[in-house]
Amino acid sequence: MKRADIDLFWELLHALPGTDDATFLYGRDADGRLRERNLRRYLELMDSTRPRMLLIGEAPGYRGHAVTGIPFMSVAQLRARPGLITGGPDGDGFEIPVNPAALSEASSTVVWRTVAALRGPLPMFWPVYPNHPHEPGRPDTNRPPRAAEIAEGTPIALALTTAFRIKTVVAVGRKAQDALARNGVTAIPVRHPAQGGARIFATQLARIDEEEPKAA
């Protein structure tokens, strides 16, 4: 089967500007290069599993994606044995950051516990705004992405959707759903797992998985 062509995705992602309160995660510094290597490994694994569903969240959190480079993955998921994606006894082949800002993230824990129970293949994850938005001068915080930031990030999410020929797009949170709708993409909304939404998120995603047409 032909591999996904993700050149446009990388072109758009690398062109996304960082700001004083929205950190670009895939820069040329050591941490940025590690995050990019992890993301490339993640996309390589997704290309092998051929996901039919894409879960689009809002933005990276400082305890998860902003550390590892992978959406809805904290260091705890990188270290998982067996690997959460491959099931390999030595893990999935990701690099572990040195002295990470955080080791775990509640949303990542909920998301992976939920998708482990799906019939498969595993869904893919991506945020509608892939920079890490935070309070000025405080990278160890999260803030909601602004409308202009979402407008900048949405084409990157759409490029990933096209490259992987995603059949079902799921919006994790209202901001992601609204951004996709403005670009003509109908996404199935689910509750964000944060702030008490874990059980609702799991129930909604399981229902979508049951109703999703399976490949022949």
N, C-alpha and C. Protein backbone atom coordinates (compact mmCIF):
# COMPACT_ATOMS: atom_id res chain seq x y z
N MET A 1 0.84 -1.20 0.00
CA MET A 1 0.00 0.00 0.00
C MET A 1 0.88 1.25 0.00
N LYS A 2 0.49 2.26 -0.76
CA LYS A 2 1.26 3.49 -0.88
C LYS A 2 1.37 4.20 0.46
N ARG A 3 2.56 4.70 0.77
CA ARG A 3 2.79 5.41 2.01
C ARG A 3 2.17 6.80 1.95
N ALA A 4 1.80 7.33 3.11
CA ALA A 4 1.21 8.65 3.17
C ALA A 4 2.24 9.71 2.77
N ASP A 5 1.82 10.65 1.95
CA ASP A 5 2.68 11.75 1.52
C ASP A 5 2.47 12.91 2.50
N ILE A 6 3.41 13.10 3.40
CA ILE A 6 3.25 14.12 4.44
C ILE A 6 4.17 15.32 4.23
N ASP A 7 4.66 15.51 3.01
CA ASP A 7 5.54 16.64 2.73
C ASP A 7 4.84 17.98 3.00
N LEU A 8 3.59 18.11 2.56
CA LEU A 8 2.86 19.36 2.77
C LEU A 8 2.64 19.60 4.27
N PHE A 9 2.35 18.54 5.00
CA PHE A 9 2.18 18.67 6.45
C PHE A 9 3.44 19.27 7.07
N TRP A 10 4.61 18.73 6.75
CA TRP A 10 5.85 19.23 7.33
C TRP A 10 6.15 20.65 6.87
N GLU A 11 5.87 20.94 5.63
CA GLU A 11 6.10 22.29 5.11
C GLU A 11 5.27 23.31 5.89
N LEU A 12 3.99 23.01 6.09
CA LEU A 12 3.12 23.93 6.82
C LEU A 12 3.50 24.02 8.29
N LEU A 13 3.86 22.89 8.88
CA LEU A 13 4.21 22.89 10.30
C LEU A 13 5.46 23.72 10.54
N HIS A 14 6.48 23.54 9.71
CA HIS A 14 7.73 24.27 9.90
C HIS A 14 7.58 25.76 9.60
N ALA A 15 6.55 26.13 8.86
CA ALA A 15 6.33 27.54 8.55
C ALA A 15 5.51 28.25 9.63
N LEU A 16 5.00 27.51 10.60
CA LEU A 16 4.16 28.11 11.64
C LEU A 16 5.04 28.92 12.60
N PRO A 17 4.80 30.21 12.74
CA PRO A 17 5.68 31.00 13.61
C PRO A 17 5.38 30.80 15.08
N GLY A 18 6.43 30.78 15.88
CA GLY A 18 6.26 30.81 17.32
C GLY A 18 6.16 32.25 17.79
N THR A 19 5.63 32.45 18.98
CA THR A 19 5.51 33.79 19.54
C THR A 19 5.95 33.75 21.00
N ASP A 20 5.91 34.90 21.65
CA ASP A 20 6.34 34.97 23.05
C ASP A 20 5.46 34.12 23.96
N ASP A 21 4.22 33.89 23.57
CA ASP A 21 3.33 33.11 24.42
C ASP A 21 2.74 31.90 23.69
N ALA A 22 3.43 31.44 22.66
CA ALA A 22 3.04 30.23 21.93
C ALA A 22 4.30 29.60 21.34
N THR A 23 4.83 28.61 22.02
CA THR A 23 6.12 28.03 21.67
C THR A 23 6.02 27.07 20.49
N PHE A 24 6.85 27.31 19.47
CA PHE A 24 6.98 26.35 18.38
C PHE A 24 7.79 25.16 18.90
N LEU A 25 7.27 23.97 18.74
CA LEU A 25 7.84 22.80 19.41
C LEU A 25 8.91 22.07 18.61
N TYR A 26 9.06 22.36 17.32
CA TYR A 26 9.93 21.56 16.47
C TYR A 26 11.06 22.40 15.89
N GLY A 27 11.71 23.17 16.76
CA GLY A 27 12.78 24.05 16.33
C GLY A 27 14.11 23.33 16.20
N ARG A 28 15.17 24.12 16.02
CA ARG A 28 16.49 23.56 15.77
C ARG A 28 17.29 23.33 17.05
N ASP A 29 16.75 23.69 18.19
CA ASP A 29 17.42 23.40 19.46
C ASP A 29 17.32 21.91 19.76
N ALA A 30 18.07 21.46 20.77
CA ALA A 30 18.11 20.02 21.06
C ALA A 30 16.74 19.47 21.41
N ASP A 31 15.97 20.19 22.23
CA ASP A 31 14.63 19.72 22.60
C ASP A 31 13.72 19.66 21.39
N GLY A 32 13.81 20.67 20.52
CA GLY A 32 12.97 20.70 19.33
C GLY A 32 13.29 19.56 18.38
N ARG A 33 14.58 19.25 18.23
CA ARG A 33 14.96 18.15 17.34
C ARG A 33 14.49 16.81 17.90
N LEU A 34 14.57 16.65 19.23
CA LEU A 34 14.08 15.41 19.83
C LEU A 34 12.57 15.27 19.61
N ARG A 35 11.85 16.36 19.82
CA ARG A 35 10.39 16.30 19.61
C ARG A 35 10.06 15.96 18.16
N GLU A 36 10.84 16.53 17.22
CA GLU A 36 10.56 16.22 15.82
C GLU A 36 10.88 14.77 15.49
N ARG A 37 11.96 14.24 16.03
CA ARG A 37 12.26 12.83 15.79
C ARG A 37 11.15 11.94 16.34
N ASN A 38 10.64 12.29 17.51
CA ASN A 38 9.53 11.51 18.07
C ASN A 38 8.28 11.61 17.20
N LEU A 39 7.98 12.82 16.72
CA LEU A 39 6.81 12.98 15.87
C LEU A 39 6.96 12.21 14.57
N ARG A 40 8.15 12.24 13.98
CA ARG A 40 8.37 11.48 12.75
C ARG A 40 8.20 9.98 13.01
N ARG A 41 8.69 9.52 14.12
CA ARG A 41 8.52 8.11 14.48
C ARG A 41 7.03 7.79 14.65
N TYR A 42 6.32 8.68 15.31
CA TYR A 42 4.88 8.48 15.52
C TYR A 42 4.14 8.39 14.18
N LEU A 43 4.43 9.31 13.27
CA LEU A 43 3.75 9.30 11.97
C LEU A 43 4.14 8.07 11.16
N GLU A 44 5.37 7.63 11.32
CA GLU A 44 5.79 6.39 10.66
C GLU A 44 4.99 5.20 11.17
N LEU A 45 4.79 5.13 12.47
CA LEU A 45 4.00 4.04 13.05
C LEU A 45 2.54 4.14 12.62
N MET A 46 2.02 5.35 12.56
CA MET A 46 0.64 5.53 12.11
C MET A 46 0.48 5.12 10.65
N ASP A 47 1.49 5.40 9.86
CA ASP A 47 1.44 5.00 8.45
C ASP A 47 1.36 3.48 8.33
N SER A 48 1.98 2.80 9.26
CA SER A 48 1.96 1.33 9.24
C SER A 48 0.62 0.78 9.70
N THR A 49 -0.02 1.45 10.66
CA THR A 49 -1.27 0.95 11.20
C THR A 49 -2.49 1.38 10.40
N ARG A 50 -2.30 2.40 9.53
CA ARG A 50 -3.40 2.87 8.67
C ARG A 50 -4.63 3.28 9.48
N PRO A 51 -4.54 4.33 10.26
CA PRO A 51 -5.70 4.77 11.05
C PRO A 51 -6.82 5.27 10.16
N ARG A 52 -8.04 5.02 10.57
CA ARG A 52 -9.20 5.53 9.84
C ARG A 52 -9.83 6.71 10.57
N MET A 53 -9.45 6.89 11.84
CA MET A 53 -10.02 7.94 12.66
C MET A 53 -8.92 8.90 13.12
N LEU A 54 -9.22 10.20 13.08
CA LEU A 54 -8.30 11.22 13.58
C LEU A 54 -8.99 12.01 14.67
N LEU A 55 -8.38 12.02 15.86
CA LEU A 55 -8.87 12.83 16.96
C LEU A 55 -8.11 14.15 16.96
N ILE A 56 -8.82 15.25 16.78
CA ILE A 56 -8.19 16.56 16.74
C ILE A 56 -8.52 17.32 18.02
N GLY A 57 -7.49 17.61 18.80
CA GLY A 57 -7.66 18.38 20.02
C GLY A 57 -7.42 19.85 19.77
N GLU A 58 -7.22 20.60 20.86
CA GLU A 58 -7.07 22.05 20.74
C GLU A 58 -5.61 22.47 20.57
N ALA A 59 -4.75 22.13 21.53
CA ALA A 59 -3.36 22.57 21.49
C ALA A 59 -2.54 21.73 22.45
N PRO A 60 -1.22 21.68 22.26
CA PRO A 60 -0.36 20.91 23.16
C PRO A 60 -0.40 21.44 24.59
N GLY A 61 -0.35 20.52 25.55
CA GLY A 61 -0.26 20.88 26.95
C GLY A 61 1.18 20.78 27.42
N TYR A 62 1.53 21.56 28.42
CA TYR A 62 2.93 21.62 28.85
C TYR A 62 3.41 20.35 29.53
N ARG A 63 2.49 19.48 29.96
CA ARG A 63 2.88 18.24 30.61
C ARG A 63 2.94 17.06 29.65
N GLY A 64 2.47 17.24 28.44
CA GLY A 64 2.40 16.13 27.50
C GLY A 64 3.06 16.43 26.16
N HIS A 65 2.26 16.83 25.20
CA HIS A 65 2.73 17.07 23.84
C HIS A 65 3.91 18.04 23.79
N ALA A 66 3.89 19.09 24.61
CA ALA A 66 4.97 20.08 24.59
C ALA A 66 6.29 19.49 25.07
N VAL A 67 6.24 18.37 25.77
CA VAL A 67 7.45 17.68 26.23
C VAL A 67 7.91 16.65 25.21
N THR A 68 6.98 15.83 24.73
CA THR A 68 7.33 14.65 23.92
C THR A 68 7.34 14.91 22.43
N GLY A 69 6.57 15.91 21.97
CA GLY A 69 6.43 16.16 20.54
C GLY A 69 5.29 15.41 19.91
N ILE A 70 4.57 14.60 20.69
CA ILE A 70 3.49 13.76 20.16
C ILE A 70 2.19 14.11 20.86
N PRO A 71 1.12 14.35 20.10
CA PRO A 71 -0.16 14.70 20.72
C PRO A 71 -0.67 13.63 21.68
N PHE A 72 -1.23 14.08 22.78
CA PHE A 72 -1.80 13.19 23.79
C PHE A 72 -0.81 12.11 24.23
N MET A 73 0.45 12.48 24.33
CA MET A 73 1.47 11.57 24.85
C MET A 73 2.36 12.32 25.82
N SER A 74 2.44 11.82 27.02
CA SER A 74 3.39 12.33 28.00
C SER A 74 4.56 11.35 28.06
N VAL A 75 5.53 11.66 28.92
CA VAL A 75 6.67 10.77 29.06
C VAL A 75 6.22 9.38 29.52
N ALA A 76 5.17 9.33 30.31
CA ALA A 76 4.66 8.04 30.78
C ALA A 76 4.27 7.14 29.62
N GLN A 77 3.66 7.71 28.57
CA GLN A 77 3.28 6.90 27.41
C GLN A 77 4.52 6.54 26.57
N LEU A 78 5.50 7.44 26.49
CA LEU A 78 6.73 7.10 25.76
C LEU A 78 7.42 5.90 26.38
N ARG A 79 7.37 5.82 27.71
CA ARG A 79 8.08 4.77 28.43
C ARG A 79 7.30 3.46 28.53
N ALA A 80 6.08 3.45 28.05
CA ALA A 80 5.22 2.27 28.25
C ALA A 80 5.84 1.01 27.67
N ARG A 81 5.79 -0.06 28.44
CA ARG A 81 6.24 -1.38 28.01
C ARG A 81 5.14 -2.39 28.37
N PRO A 82 4.62 -3.09 27.38
CA PRO A 82 4.94 -3.02 25.95
C PRO A 82 4.51 -1.69 25.33
N GLY A 83 5.01 -1.42 24.14
CA GLY A 83 4.68 -0.18 23.47
C GLY A 83 3.18 -0.05 23.22
N LEU A 84 2.65 1.14 23.38
CA LEU A 84 1.21 1.36 23.23
C LEU A 84 0.75 1.22 21.78
N ILE A 85 1.65 1.45 20.83
CA ILE A 85 1.28 1.38 19.42
C ILE A 85 1.68 0.05 18.80
N THR A 86 2.92 -0.35 19.00
CA THR A 86 3.41 -1.58 18.37
C THR A 86 3.18 -2.83 19.22
N GLY A 87 3.02 -2.64 20.54
CA GLY A 87 2.95 -3.80 21.43
C GLY A 87 4.30 -4.45 21.66
N GLY A 88 5.37 -3.83 21.15
CA GLY A 88 6.70 -4.40 21.30
C GLY A 88 7.17 -4.39 22.74
N PRO A 89 7.86 -5.42 23.18
CA PRO A 89 8.29 -5.50 24.57
C PRO A 89 9.25 -4.40 24.98
N ASP A 90 9.96 -3.82 24.02
CA ASP A 90 10.92 -2.76 24.31
C ASP A 90 10.36 -1.37 24.03
N GLY A 91 9.06 -1.28 23.83
CA GLY A 91 8.43 0.01 23.58
C GLY A 91 8.27 0.31 22.10
N ASP A 92 7.94 1.56 21.81
CA ASP A 92 7.64 1.98 20.44
C ASP A 92 8.79 2.68 19.74
N GLY A 93 9.92 2.78 20.40
CA GLY A 93 11.08 3.38 19.75
C GLY A 93 11.16 4.89 19.86
N PHE A 94 10.45 5.47 20.83
CA PHE A 94 10.53 6.91 21.03
C PHE A 94 11.72 7.28 21.91
N GLU A 95 12.17 8.52 21.78
CA GLU A 95 13.26 9.03 22.62
C GLU A 95 12.68 9.68 23.87
N ILE A 96 13.33 9.45 25.00
CA ILE A 96 12.87 10.01 26.27
C ILE A 96 13.62 11.31 26.55
N PRO A 97 12.93 12.41 26.75
CA PRO A 97 13.61 13.67 27.06
C PRO A 97 14.40 13.58 28.37
N VAL A 98 15.51 14.29 28.42
CA VAL A 98 16.31 14.38 29.64
C VAL A 98 15.74 15.48 30.53
N ASN A 99 15.51 15.16 31.79
CA ASN A 99 14.95 16.13 32.74
C ASN A 99 13.69 16.81 32.20
N PRO A 100 12.68 16.04 31.84
CA PRO A 100 11.46 16.63 31.28
C PRO A 100 10.73 17.50 32.30
N ALA A 101 9.97 18.47 31.80
CA ALA A 101 9.22 19.37 32.67
C ALA A 101 8.14 18.63 33.45
N ALA A 102 7.66 17.52 32.92
CA ALA A 102 6.63 16.72 33.59
C ALA A 102 6.73 15.29 33.07
N LEU A 103 6.27 14.35 33.87
CA LEU A 103 6.34 12.94 33.50
C LEU A 103 5.00 12.39 33.02
N SER A 104 3.92 13.00 33.44
CA SER A 104 2.61 12.48 33.06
C SER A 104 1.62 13.62 32.88
N GLU A 105 0.55 13.31 32.18
CA GLU A 105 -0.51 14.28 31.91
C GLU A 105 -1.84 13.55 32.02
N ALA A 106 -2.78 14.12 32.72
CA ALA A 106 -4.06 13.46 32.95
C ALA A 106 -4.79 13.16 31.64
N SER A 107 -4.83 14.12 30.73
CA SER A 107 -5.56 13.90 29.47
C SER A 107 -4.94 12.77 28.66
N SER A 108 -3.61 12.71 28.61
CA SER A 108 -2.95 11.63 27.87
C SER A 108 -3.28 10.28 28.47
N THR A 109 -3.30 10.21 29.78
CA THR A 109 -3.62 8.95 30.46
C THR A 109 -5.02 8.48 30.11
N VAL A 110 -5.98 9.40 30.14
CA VAL A 110 -7.37 9.06 29.83
C VAL A 110 -7.50 8.63 28.38
N VAL A 111 -6.88 9.38 27.48
CA VAL A 111 -7.01 9.09 26.05
C VAL A 111 -6.47 7.69 25.73
N TRP A 112 -5.30 7.36 26.23
CA TRP A 112 -4.72 6.05 25.91
C TRP A 112 -5.46 4.91 26.59
N ARG A 113 -5.98 5.13 27.78
CA ARG A 113 -6.80 4.11 28.42
C ARG A 113 -8.06 3.86 27.61
N THR A 114 -8.60 4.92 27.00
CA THR A 114 -9.82 4.80 26.21
C THR A 114 -9.56 4.09 24.88
N VAL A 115 -8.52 4.52 24.14
CA VAL A 115 -8.31 3.94 22.82
C VAL A 115 -7.83 2.50 22.90
N ALA A 116 -7.24 2.12 24.04
CA ALA A 116 -6.81 0.72 24.19
C ALA A 116 -7.99 -0.24 24.14
N ALA A 117 -9.18 0.26 24.45
CA ALA A 117 -10.37 -0.59 24.46
C ALA A 117 -11.12 -0.58 23.13
N LEU A 118 -10.68 0.23 22.16
CA LEU A 118 -11.36 0.29 20.87
C LEU A 118 -11.01 -0.94 20.03
N ARG A 119 -11.83 -1.19 19.03
CA ARG A 119 -11.63 -2.36 18.19
C ARG A 119 -10.44 -2.21 17.24
N GLY A 120 -10.02 -0.98 17.00
CA GLY A 120 -8.84 -0.72 16.19
C GLY A 120 -9.14 -0.59 14.71
N PRO A 121 -8.18 -0.11 13.91
CA PRO A 121 -6.85 0.27 14.36
C PRO A 121 -6.85 1.51 15.24
N LEU A 122 -5.74 1.77 15.89
CA LEU A 122 -5.65 2.93 16.75
C LEU A 122 -5.94 4.21 15.96
N PRO A 123 -6.66 5.14 16.56
CA PRO A 123 -6.83 6.43 15.89
C PRO A 123 -5.55 7.25 15.95
N MET A 124 -5.47 8.23 15.08
CA MET A 124 -4.36 9.18 15.08
C MET A 124 -4.77 10.41 15.87
N PHE A 125 -3.77 11.12 16.43
CA PHE A 125 -4.03 12.33 17.21
C PHE A 125 -3.31 13.52 16.59
N TRP A 126 -3.94 14.70 16.68
CA TRP A 126 -3.29 15.95 16.29
C TRP A 126 -4.09 17.12 16.87
N PRO A 127 -3.43 18.26 17.17
CA PRO A 127 -4.15 19.43 17.67
C PRO A 127 -4.49 20.40 16.53
N VAL A 128 -5.53 21.18 16.73
CA VAL A 128 -5.89 22.16 15.71
C VAL A 128 -4.90 23.32 15.69
N TYR A 129 -4.17 23.54 16.79
CA TYR A 129 -3.09 24.52 16.84
C TYR A 129 -1.89 23.84 17.47
N PRO A 130 -0.82 23.56 16.70
CA PRO A 130 0.25 22.71 17.21
C PRO A 130 1.36 23.42 17.99
N ASN A 131 1.34 24.76 18.09
CA ASN A 131 2.24 25.41 19.03
C ASN A 131 1.70 25.25 20.45
N HIS A 132 2.58 25.46 21.44
CA HIS A 132 2.12 25.37 22.83
C HIS A 132 1.77 26.76 23.34
N PRO A 133 0.47 27.07 23.45
CA PRO A 133 0.06 28.38 23.96
C PRO A 133 0.13 28.42 25.49
N HIS A 134 0.77 29.44 26.01
CA HIS A 134 0.94 29.55 27.46
C HIS A 134 0.85 31.00 27.90
N GLU A 135 0.79 31.23 29.17
CA GLU A 135 0.77 32.59 29.69
C GLU A 135 2.15 33.22 29.45
N PRO A 136 2.19 34.51 29.16
CA PRO A 136 3.48 35.16 28.86
C PRO A 136 4.51 34.93 29.96
N GLY A 137 5.69 34.46 29.55
CA GLY A 137 6.77 34.23 30.50
C GLY A 137 6.61 33.00 31.36
N ARG A 138 5.58 32.20 31.12
CA ARG A 138 5.33 31.01 31.95
C ARG A 138 5.08 29.79 31.06
N PRO A 139 6.12 29.18 30.55
CA PRO A 139 5.95 28.01 29.69
C PRO A 139 5.37 26.79 30.40
N ASP A 140 5.36 26.81 31.74
CA ASP A 140 4.77 25.70 32.49
C ASP A 140 3.29 25.93 32.76
N THR A 141 2.63 26.60 31.84
CA THR A 141 1.18 26.83 31.94
C THR A 141 0.55 26.52 30.57
N ASN A 142 -0.75 26.43 30.55
CA ASN A 142 -1.51 26.29 29.31
C ASN A 142 -2.53 27.41 29.23
N ARG A 143 -2.79 27.88 28.04
CA ARG A 143 -3.90 28.80 27.81
C ARG A 143 -4.64 28.35 26.56
N PRO A 144 -5.90 28.71 26.41
CA PRO A 144 -6.63 28.35 25.20
C PRO A 144 -6.05 29.05 23.98
N PRO A 145 -5.99 28.38 22.84
CA PRO A 145 -5.53 29.05 21.63
C PRO A 145 -6.52 30.12 21.18
N ARG A 146 -6.00 31.21 20.65
CA ARG A 146 -6.84 32.30 20.16
C ARG A 146 -7.40 31.94 18.78
N ALA A 147 -8.41 32.68 18.37
CA ALA A 147 -9.04 32.43 17.07
C ALA A 147 -8.03 32.53 15.93
N ALA A 148 -7.15 33.54 16.00
CA ALA A 148 -6.15 33.71 14.93
C ALA A 148 -5.17 32.55 14.92
N GLU A 149 -4.82 32.04 16.08
CA GLU A 149 -3.90 30.90 16.15
C GLU A 149 -4.54 29.65 15.58
N ILE A 150 -5.80 29.45 15.90
CA ILE A 150 -6.52 28.30 15.37
C ILE A 150 -6.60 28.38 13.85
N ALA A 151 -6.81 29.59 13.33
CA ALA A 151 -6.87 29.77 11.88
C ALA A 151 -5.53 29.42 11.24
N GLU A 152 -4.42 29.73 11.93
CA GLU A 152 -3.10 29.39 11.42
C GLU A 152 -2.84 27.89 11.44
N GLY A 153 -3.32 27.23 12.46
CA GLY A 153 -3.02 25.82 12.65
C GLY A 153 -3.92 24.86 11.91
N THR A 154 -5.13 25.28 11.60
CA THR A 154 -6.09 24.37 10.98
C THR A 154 -5.61 23.77 9.67
N PRO A 155 -4.98 24.53 8.75
CA PRO A 155 -4.52 23.90 7.51
C PRO A 155 -3.53 22.77 7.73
N ILE A 156 -2.77 22.81 8.82
CA ILE A 156 -1.83 21.73 9.10
C ILE A 156 -2.60 20.46 9.45
N ALA A 157 -3.64 20.61 10.26
CA ALA A 157 -4.48 19.45 10.60
C ALA A 157 -5.17 18.89 9.37
N LEU A 158 -5.62 19.77 8.49
CA LEU A 158 -6.29 19.31 7.27
C LEU A 158 -5.32 18.58 6.35
N ALA A 159 -4.06 19.05 6.31
CA ALA A 159 -3.06 18.37 5.48
C ALA A 159 -2.82 16.96 5.98
N LEU A 160 -2.81 16.79 7.29
CA LEU A 160 -2.61 15.46 7.87
C LEU A 160 -3.81 14.56 7.56
N THR A 161 -4.99 15.14 7.64
CA THR A 161 -6.21 14.38 7.33
C THR A 161 -6.19 13.86 5.90
N THR A 162 -5.78 14.72 4.98
CA THR A 162 -5.72 14.34 3.57
C THR A 162 -4.63 13.30 3.33
N ALA A 163 -3.45 13.51 3.92
CA ALA A 163 -2.32 12.61 3.68
C ALA A 163 -2.62 11.19 4.11
N PHE A 164 -3.33 11.05 5.22
CA PHE A 164 -3.62 9.70 5.73
C PHE A 164 -5.00 9.18 5.29
N ARG A 165 -5.68 9.95 4.46
CA ARG A 165 -6.99 9.53 3.92
C ARG A 165 -7.93 9.12 5.06
N ILE A 166 -8.00 10.00 6.03
CA ILE A 166 -8.81 9.74 7.22
C ILE A 166 -10.29 9.70 6.86
N LYS A 167 -10.99 8.71 7.38
CA LYS A 167 -12.41 8.55 7.11
C LYS A 167 -13.29 9.26 8.13
N THR A 168 -12.86 9.25 9.39
CA THR A 168 -13.67 9.81 10.47
C THR A 168 -12.85 10.81 11.25
N VAL A 169 -13.32 12.07 11.29
CA VAL A 169 -12.64 13.12 12.06
C VAL A 169 -13.44 13.38 13.33
N VAL A 170 -12.77 13.31 14.46
CA VAL A 170 -13.40 13.53 15.76
C VAL A 170 -12.78 14.77 16.39
N ALA A 171 -13.61 15.71 16.77
CA ALA A 171 -13.14 16.95 17.40
C ALA A 171 -13.22 16.80 18.91
N VAL A 172 -12.06 16.89 19.56
CA VAL A 172 -11.99 16.79 21.01
C VAL A 172 -12.07 18.20 21.58
N GLY A 173 -13.27 18.64 21.88
CA GLY A 173 -13.48 20.00 22.38
C GLY A 173 -14.14 20.88 21.34
N ARG A 174 -14.80 21.92 21.83
CA ARG A 174 -15.58 22.79 20.96
C ARG A 174 -14.72 23.60 20.00
N LYS A 175 -13.54 24.09 20.45
CA LYS A 175 -12.70 24.91 19.59
C LYS A 175 -12.28 24.14 18.34
N ALA A 176 -11.90 22.89 18.52
CA ALA A 176 -11.50 22.08 17.38
C ALA A 176 -12.67 21.87 16.42
N GLN A 177 -13.84 21.60 16.97
CA GLN A 177 -15.02 21.38 16.13
C GLN A 177 -15.36 22.62 15.31
N ASP A 178 -15.35 23.79 15.95
CA ASP A 178 -15.69 25.03 15.26
C ASP A 178 -14.67 25.36 14.18
N ALA A 179 -13.38 25.15 14.47
CA ALA A 179 -12.35 25.44 13.48
C ALA A 179 -12.49 24.56 12.25
N LEU A 180 -12.77 23.30 12.45
CA LEU A 180 -12.94 22.39 11.32
C LEU A 180 -14.18 22.74 10.52
N ALA A 181 -15.25 23.11 11.21
CA ALA A 181 -16.49 23.48 10.52
C ALA A 181 -16.28 24.69 9.63
N ARG A 182 -15.49 25.65 10.10
CA ARG A 182 -15.22 26.84 9.30
C ARG A 182 -14.45 26.50 8.03
N ASN A 183 -13.79 25.36 8.03
CA ASN A 183 -13.04 24.92 6.85
C ASN A 183 -13.76 23.82 6.08
N GLY A 184 -15.03 23.68 6.33
CA GLY A 184 -15.84 22.75 5.58
C GLY A 184 -15.70 21.29 5.96
N VAL A 185 -15.12 21.04 7.14
CA VAL A 185 -14.93 19.66 7.60
C VAL A 185 -15.94 19.36 8.70
N THR A 186 -16.74 18.35 8.48
CA THR A 186 -17.70 17.92 9.49
C THR A 186 -17.01 16.94 10.43
N ALA A 187 -16.89 17.33 11.68
CA ALA A 187 -16.24 16.48 12.68
C ALA A 187 -17.25 16.06 13.73
N ILE A 188 -17.10 14.85 14.22
CA ILE A 188 -17.96 14.36 15.29
C ILE A 188 -17.42 14.90 16.61
N PRO A 189 -18.24 15.63 17.38
CA PRO A 189 -17.73 16.21 18.61
C PRO A 189 -17.75 15.23 19.77
N VAL A 190 -16.71 15.29 20.59
CA VAL A 190 -16.70 14.55 21.86
C VAL A 190 -16.23 15.50 22.95
N ARG A 191 -16.57 15.17 24.16
CA ARG A 191 -16.18 15.96 25.32
C ARG A 191 -14.67 15.84 25.53
N HIS A 192 -14.03 16.96 25.87
CA HIS A 192 -12.62 16.90 26.20
C HIS A 192 -12.46 16.14 27.52
N PRO A 193 -11.44 15.27 27.64
CA PRO A 193 -11.33 14.46 28.85
C PRO A 193 -10.91 15.24 30.10
N ALA A 194 -10.45 16.49 29.94
CA ALA A 194 -10.01 17.27 31.09
C ALA A 194 -11.20 17.79 31.89
N GLN A 195 -10.92 18.21 33.11
CA GLN A 195 -11.90 18.88 33.98
C GLN A 195 -13.18 18.06 34.14
N GLY A 196 -13.01 16.80 34.49
CA GLY A 196 -14.15 15.96 34.79
C GLY A 196 -14.85 15.34 33.61
N GLY A 197 -14.25 15.44 32.41
CA GLY A 197 -14.92 14.91 31.23
C GLY A 197 -14.47 13.54 30.80
N ALA A 198 -13.66 12.86 31.61
CA ALA A 198 -13.05 11.60 31.19
C ALA A 198 -14.10 10.53 30.86
N ARG A 199 -15.08 10.35 31.73
CA ARG A 199 -16.07 9.29 31.50
C ARG A 199 -16.91 9.57 30.27
N ILE A 200 -17.32 10.82 30.09
CA ILE A 200 -18.13 11.16 28.92
C ILE A 200 -17.31 10.97 27.65
N PHE A 201 -16.07 11.42 27.67
CA PHE A 201 -15.17 11.25 26.52
C PHE A 201 -15.07 9.78 26.14
N ALA A 202 -14.82 8.91 27.12
CA ALA A 202 -14.65 7.48 26.85
C ALA A 202 -15.92 6.88 26.27
N THR A 203 -17.06 7.24 26.81
CA THR A 203 -18.34 6.71 26.33
C THR A 203 -18.62 7.16 24.90
N GLN A 204 -18.39 8.44 24.63
CA GLN A 204 -18.65 8.96 23.29
C GLN A 204 -17.73 8.35 22.26
N LEU A 205 -16.46 8.21 22.59
CA LEU A 205 -15.51 7.66 21.62
C LEU A 205 -15.79 6.18 21.35
N ALA A 206 -16.17 5.44 22.37
CA ALA A 206 -16.51 4.04 22.18
C ALA A 206 -17.72 3.90 21.26
N ARG A 207 -18.67 4.79 21.39
CA ARG A 207 -19.86 4.74 20.53
C ARG A 207 -19.48 5.03 19.07
N ILE A 208 -18.61 6.02 18.87
CA ILE A 208 -18.17 6.34 17.51
C ILE A 208 -17.44 5.15 16.90
N ASP A 209 -16.59 4.52 17.69
CA ASP A 209 -15.83 3.37 17.21
C ASP A 209 -16.75 2.23 16.80
N GLU A 210 -17.80 2.01 17.57
CA GLU A 210 -18.75 0.93 17.25
C GLU A 210 -19.51 1.21 15.96
N GLU A 211 -19.79 2.50 15.70
CA GLU A 211 -20.60 2.87 14.54
C GLU A 211 -19.77 3.09 13.28
N GLU A 212 -18.43 3.20 13.45
CA GLU A 212 -17.57 3.48 12.31
C GLU A 212 -17.55 2.29 11.35
N PRO A 213 -17.76 2.53 10.05
CA PRO A 213 -17.67 1.43 9.07
C PRO A 213 -16.27 0.84 9.07
N LYS A 214 -16.19 -0.46 9.06
CA LYS A 214 -14.90 -1.15 9.06
C LYS A 214 -14.46 -1.46 7.63
N ALA A 215 -13.16 -1.41 7.45
CA ALA A 215 -12.61 -1.69 6.11
C ALA A 215 -12.85 -3.15 5.76
N ALA A 216 -13.03 -3.37 4.48
CA ALA A 216 -13.28 -4.74 4.01
C ALA A 216 -12.01 -5.57 4.11
